[in-house]
């Protein structure tokens, strides 16, 4: 029997079949990608997209810090950007340019070293620049929209797309940018400051995270967005879900908006826990909790 993957474009990077995706995520759960593409560089990504049939679904996976890969895996092609070609960071004046696979925290540190203030909050976000662009990532009173100048990437056809800040239409944890753009690089504008002062603020954020969030666990960051006028962790806690097991999953004792894989959880456990909490909070308070963590693939 013929397999659609036999007709995939040739690449210079890696193109793998039935590759388990759990190891690429912080939760360490989930099924396999029908096909996983690890591009060698920008041109490899562009040429692959140009040649890929439009009928093949494409999913982009970053460092996997804010996703649940469902147990049934991900249909079509999953693209993961990694390595120096996609994770470079450079500074010029008060601007920082970063590849989409660069860790947010690494970008914050690079800005500090260059004496650029304004990106310190990225030290508190467990993800990459690509994800930050997609969801207007932020914490501790600052968001991506506060410092972004522009970003570019390739759309589903391999065409280069460049967007200025205004084109993103950013709101809280949301962007109006076309969903099919695979981000390659972003440019940020900060302000001049003493490198030691910037690094000191980063150290404060890092210390705060270590004492208030379960960063050593198999987790995925904030599970739910904060509803207007409310804190999700308080709603989860007041509904009685802090530390309560659901299969192998639970909400952290340390931070009640962080789900944890205690070691035996499946993706179904994690998503099921989230849905159970959403239903319970809705029944008790009338407030809708909306997922911040992305759930990808089939059950």
Protein backbone atom coordinates (compact mmCIF):
# COMPACT_ATOMS: atom_id res chain seq x y z
CA UNK A 1 0.00 0.00 0.00
CA UNK A 2 1.35 3.44 -0.90
CA UNK A 3 2.19 5.88 1.90
CA UNK A 4 1.76 9.63 1.42
CA UNK A 5 5.10 10.09 3.16
CA UNK A 6 6.88 8.40 0.26
CA UNK A 7 6.17 11.52 -1.81
CA UNK A 8 7.49 14.07 0.69
CA UNK A 9 10.08 16.55 -0.68
CA UNK A 10 13.75 15.79 -0.25
CA UNK A 11 15.50 17.74 2.50
CA UNK A 12 18.98 18.52 3.78
CA UNK A 13 17.89 18.29 7.39
CA UNK A 14 16.19 15.30 9.01
CA UNK A 15 12.81 13.87 7.99
CA UNK A 16 11.65 11.12 10.34
CA UNK A 17 8.59 8.86 10.33
CA UNK A 18 6.50 7.89 13.35
CA UNK A 19 8.78 9.82 15.68
CA UNK A 20 7.61 9.97 19.33
CA UNK A 21 7.01 13.59 20.32
CA UNK A 22 6.76 13.18 24.08
CA UNK A 23 10.53 13.55 24.57
CA UNK A 24 10.35 16.93 22.83
CA UNK A 25 7.89 18.31 25.38
CA UNK A 26 8.18 19.33 29.02
CA UNK A 27 5.28 17.09 30.03
CA UNK A 28 7.02 14.09 28.43
CA UNK A 29 3.75 12.60 27.17
CA UNK A 30 1.98 12.04 23.88
CA UNK A 31 2.07 10.08 20.67
CA UNK A 32 4.19 10.25 17.54
CA UNK A 33 4.39 12.56 14.56
CA UNK A 34 3.45 10.89 11.30
CA UNK A 35 6.42 12.80 9.92
CA UNK A 36 8.86 15.04 11.82
CA UNK A 37 10.94 17.55 9.87
CA UNK A 38 14.03 19.14 11.41
CA UNK A 39 15.22 21.72 8.84
CA UNK A 40 18.93 22.28 8.32
CA UNK A 41 18.50 26.04 7.83
CA UNK A 42 16.12 28.73 6.58
CA UNK A 43 16.39 27.70 2.96
CA UNK A 44 15.72 24.05 3.77
CA UNK A 45 12.52 25.08 5.56
CA UNK A 46 11.45 27.36 2.71
CA UNK A 47 12.07 24.81 -0.03
CA UNK A 48 10.27 22.07 1.90
CA UNK A 49 7.18 24.22 2.38
CA UNK A 50 7.16 25.23 -1.27
CA UNK A 51 7.21 21.59 -2.38
CA UNK A 52 4.90 20.16 0.27
CA UNK A 53 1.41 19.32 -1.04
CA UNK A 54 -1.23 21.69 0.32
CA UNK A 55 -3.27 18.71 1.51
CA UNK A 56 -0.66 17.73 4.13
CA UNK A 57 -1.33 19.26 7.57
CA UNK A 58 1.57 21.15 9.15
CA UNK A 59 2.14 21.59 12.90
CA UNK A 60 4.98 23.62 14.39
CA UNK A 61 6.59 22.51 17.64
CA UNK A 62 9.05 24.63 19.57
CA UNK A 63 10.74 23.61 22.81
CA UNK A 64 7.48 21.98 23.92
CA UNK A 65 7.13 23.98 27.12
CA UNK A 66 3.49 24.95 26.68
CA UNK A 67 1.90 22.04 24.80
CA UNK A 68 0.24 18.70 25.38
CA UNK A 69 0.79 16.24 22.55
CA UNK A 70 -2.27 14.00 22.61
CA UNK A 71 -1.77 10.25 22.90
CA UNK A 72 -2.89 9.52 19.35
CA UNK A 73 -0.08 11.59 17.90
CA UNK A 74 0.02 14.36 15.32
CA UNK A 75 -1.14 13.81 11.74
CA UNK A 76 0.76 15.23 8.80
CA UNK A 77 4.14 16.90 9.17
CA UNK A 78 5.40 18.33 12.44
CA UNK A 79 8.16 20.90 12.00
CA UNK A 80 10.59 21.59 14.80
CA UNK A 81 13.13 24.39 14.49
CA UNK A 82 16.33 23.93 16.48
CA UNK A 83 20.06 24.57 16.31
CA UNK A 84 22.21 27.62 15.65
CA UNK A 85 20.56 28.38 12.32
CA UNK A 86 17.27 29.11 14.10
CA UNK A 87 18.40 30.11 17.59
CA UNK A 88 20.94 32.87 17.03
CA UNK A 89 20.76 36.09 19.05
CA UNK A 90 22.52 39.36 18.19
CA UNK A 91 22.49 42.93 19.49
CA UNK A 92 23.00 46.26 17.76
CA UNK A 93 22.39 49.54 19.55
CA UNK A 94 19.18 49.11 21.53
CA UNK A 95 17.87 46.33 19.28
CA UNK A 96 17.99 42.57 19.75
CA UNK A 97 17.43 40.16 16.85
CA UNK A 98 16.62 36.57 17.80
CA UNK A 99 15.87 33.37 15.94
CA UNK A 100 12.51 31.79 16.65
CA UNK A 101 14.11 28.75 18.31
CA UNK A 102 16.06 30.90 20.77
CA UNK A 103 14.98 30.37 24.36
CA UNK A 104 13.22 33.42 25.78
CA UNK A 105 15.54 33.37 28.79
CA UNK A 106 18.60 33.31 26.51
CA UNK A 107 17.32 36.41 24.73
CA UNK A 108 16.86 38.17 28.08
CA UNK A 109 20.44 37.31 29.07
CA UNK A 110 21.83 38.45 25.71
CA UNK A 111 20.02 41.77 26.09
CA UNK A 112 21.47 42.21 29.58
CA UNK A 113 24.98 41.51 28.35
CA UNK A 114 24.52 44.17 25.64
CA UNK A 115 23.16 46.70 28.15
CA UNK A 116 19.64 46.61 26.71
CA UNK A 117 16.75 46.88 29.17
CA UNK A 118 13.11 45.99 28.59
CA UNK A 119 13.36 42.28 27.82
CA UNK A 120 14.02 41.09 31.37
CA UNK A 121 10.54 39.55 31.62
CA UNK A 122 11.54 36.95 29.02
CA UNK A 123 13.69 35.36 31.75
CA UNK A 124 10.44 34.24 33.37
CA UNK A 125 8.92 32.57 30.31
CA UNK A 126 9.74 28.88 29.70
CA UNK A 127 9.62 28.84 25.92
CA UNK A 128 11.08 30.09 22.67
CA UNK A 129 10.72 33.27 20.65
CA UNK A 130 8.46 31.55 18.10
CA UNK A 131 5.95 30.70 20.79
CA UNK A 132 6.25 34.15 22.35
CA UNK A 133 5.38 35.75 19.02
CA UNK A 134 2.40 33.47 18.51
CA UNK A 135 0.76 34.08 21.89
CA UNK A 136 2.06 37.51 22.96
CA UNK A 137 3.86 35.82 25.83
CA UNK A 138 4.45 37.85 28.94
CA UNK A 139 4.81 37.83 32.71
CA UNK A 140 5.40 40.14 35.66
CA UNK A 141 3.65 43.08 34.02
CA UNK A 142 5.26 43.01 30.57
CA UNK A 143 4.36 41.37 27.25
CA UNK A 144 5.92 40.69 23.87
CA UNK A 145 3.92 43.54 22.35
CA UNK A 146 5.79 46.02 24.58
CA UNK A 147 9.16 45.39 22.92
CA UNK A 148 8.57 43.77 19.52
CA UNK A 149 9.47 45.74 16.40
CA UNK A 150 8.88 43.16 13.67
CA UNK A 151 9.20 39.48 12.80
CA UNK A 152 9.45 37.39 9.68
CA UNK A 153 8.79 33.82 8.67
CA UNK A 154 7.46 31.59 5.91
CA UNK A 155 3.83 30.85 5.21
CA UNK A 156 2.45 27.46 4.24
CA UNK A 157 3.54 27.97 0.61
CA UNK A 158 7.10 28.94 1.51
CA UNK A 159 6.57 32.62 0.79
CA UNK A 160 8.44 35.02 3.06
CA UNK A 161 6.16 37.14 5.26
CA UNK A 162 7.31 40.09 7.37
CA UNK A 163 5.01 41.73 9.92
CA UNK A 164 5.45 44.90 11.93
CA UNK A 165 4.20 45.07 15.50
CA UNK A 166 0.90 46.66 14.46
CA UNK A 167 0.20 43.76 12.08
CA UNK A 168 0.02 41.28 14.97
CA UNK A 169 -3.09 42.82 16.52
CA UNK A 170 -1.91 41.66 19.92
CA UNK A 171 -4.26 41.26 22.87
CA UNK A 172 -3.83 39.22 26.05
CA UNK A 173 -2.16 35.93 25.04
CA UNK A 174 -3.48 36.30 21.49
CA UNK A 175 -2.31 37.40 18.07
CA UNK A 176 -4.22 38.15 14.89
CA UNK A 177 -1.24 37.25 12.71
CA UNK A 178 -1.90 34.54 10.09
CA UNK A 179 -1.78 31.18 11.85
CA UNK A 180 0.14 29.48 9.05
CA UNK A 181 3.28 31.60 9.37
CA UNK A 182 6.26 29.68 10.73
CA UNK A 183 8.30 32.36 12.49
CA UNK A 184 12.02 32.43 11.76
CA UNK A 185 13.29 35.64 13.34
CA UNK A 186 12.16 38.62 15.42
CA UNK A 187 13.57 42.06 16.21
CA UNK A 188 13.01 43.85 19.53
CA UNK A 189 13.64 47.39 20.73
CA UNK A 190 14.80 48.02 24.28
CA UNK A 191 16.54 50.92 25.98
CA UNK A 192 20.08 51.52 27.13
CA UNK A 193 20.89 50.57 30.71
CA UNK A 194 23.78 49.32 32.79
CA UNK A 195 24.33 45.61 32.06
CA UNK A 196 24.72 44.80 35.74
CA UNK A 197 21.42 46.50 36.57
CA UNK A 198 19.59 44.58 33.82
CA UNK A 199 21.12 41.30 34.96
CA UNK A 200 20.13 42.03 38.56
CA UNK A 201 16.48 42.36 37.49
CA UNK A 202 16.76 39.09 35.58
CA UNK A 203 18.19 37.42 38.68
CA UNK A 204 15.21 38.68 40.69
CA UNK A 205 12.75 37.21 38.18
CA UNK A 206 14.62 33.90 38.11
CA UNK A 207 14.65 33.68 41.90
CA UNK A 208 10.95 34.49 42.05
CA UNK A 209 10.15 31.72 39.58
CA UNK A 210 12.20 29.18 41.49
CA UNK A 211 10.35 29.87 44.73
CA UNK A 212 6.81 30.14 43.34
CA UNK A 213 6.67 27.73 40.37
CA UNK A 214 7.37 23.97 40.05
CA UNK A 215 10.07 24.47 37.42
CA UNK A 216 11.87 21.22 38.29
CA UNK A 217 8.76 19.13 37.56
CA UNK A 218 7.32 17.77 34.30
CA UNK A 219 5.05 20.74 33.76
CA UNK A 220 3.92 23.12 31.04
CA UNK A 221 3.78 26.60 32.52
CA UNK A 222 0.49 28.36 33.16
CA UNK A 223 -2.40 26.05 32.29
CA UNK A 224 -5.18 28.63 32.01
CA UNK A 225 -5.29 32.27 30.99
CA UNK A 226 -6.32 34.68 33.72
CA UNK A 227 -10.01 35.60 33.28
CA UNK A 228 -10.69 39.36 33.42
CA UNK A 229 -10.53 40.45 37.05
CA UNK A 230 -9.50 37.03 38.34
CA UNK A 231 -6.41 34.86 38.88
CA UNK A 232 -6.66 31.36 37.48
CA UNK A 233 -4.58 29.85 40.29
CA UNK A 234 -6.98 31.21 42.89
CA UNK A 235 -9.99 29.78 41.05
CA UNK A 236 -8.33 26.36 40.75
CA UNK A 237 -7.26 26.45 44.39
CA UNK A 238 -10.62 27.58 45.75
CA UNK A 239 -12.33 24.82 43.76
CA UNK A 240 -10.21 22.30 45.68
CA UNK A 241 -7.94 21.05 42.89
CA UNK A 242 -4.50 21.99 44.25
CA UNK A 243 -2.58 18.72 44.73
CA UNK A 244 -5.56 16.52 43.80
CA UNK A 245 -4.58 13.55 41.63
CA UNK A 246 -6.35 12.79 38.35
CA UNK A 247 -4.71 9.64 37.00
CA UNK A 248 -1.05 10.56 36.96
CA UNK A 249 -1.71 14.31 36.69
CA UNK A 250 -2.36 17.02 39.24
CA UNK A 251 -2.18 20.76 39.80
CA UNK A 252 0.96 21.68 41.67
CA UNK A 253 0.97 22.18 45.43
CA UNK A 254 3.37 25.08 44.81
CA UNK A 255 1.37 26.88 42.11
CA UNK A 256 -2.24 25.89 41.46
CA UNK A 257 -2.22 26.98 37.80
CA UNK A 258 0.64 24.61 36.90
CA UNK A 259 -0.25 21.05 35.92
CA UNK A 260 2.27 18.33 36.67
CA UNK A 261 2.95 14.90 35.25
CA UNK A 262 3.71 13.07 38.50
CA UNK A 263 5.48 10.37 36.50
CA UNK A 264 2.70 8.15 35.15
CA UNK A 265 0.38 10.64 33.44
CA UNK A 266 -0.86 10.23 29.90
CA UNK A 267 -1.85 13.14 27.72
CA UNK A 268 -5.45 12.09 28.35
CA UNK A 269 -4.85 12.44 32.11
CA UNK A 270 -3.50 15.96 31.72
CA UNK A 271 -6.19 17.18 29.35
CA UNK A 272 -8.88 15.38 31.33
CA UNK A 273 -7.72 17.09 34.51
CA UNK A 274 -7.83 20.46 32.83
CA UNK A 275 -11.33 19.89 31.49
CA UNK A 276 -12.55 18.62 34.87
CA UNK A 277 -11.25 21.74 36.57
CA UNK A 278 -12.77 23.99 33.92
CA UNK A 279 -16.17 22.35 34.41
CA UNK A 280 -15.94 22.52 38.21
CA UNK A 281 -14.89 26.17 38.29
CA UNK A 282 -17.66 27.05 35.86
CA UNK A 283 -20.26 25.23 38.00
CA UNK A 284 -19.07 26.85 41.23
CA UNK A 285 -18.36 30.40 40.08
CA UNK A 286 -19.85 30.87 36.62
CA UNK A 287 -16.38 31.82 35.35
CA UNK A 288 -14.95 30.29 32.18
CA UNK A 289 -11.32 29.20 32.29
CA UNK A 290 -9.62 29.16 28.91
CA UNK A 291 -6.61 27.01 28.13
CA UNK A 292 -3.25 28.72 27.74
CA UNK A 293 -1.53 25.40 27.09
CA UNK A 294 -1.98 24.20 23.51
CA UNK A 295 -3.35 20.70 22.97
CA UNK A 296 -2.12 19.20 19.72
CA UNK A 297 -2.97 16.04 17.81
CA UNK A 298 -5.56 13.29 18.13
CA UNK A 299 -6.77 11.52 21.26
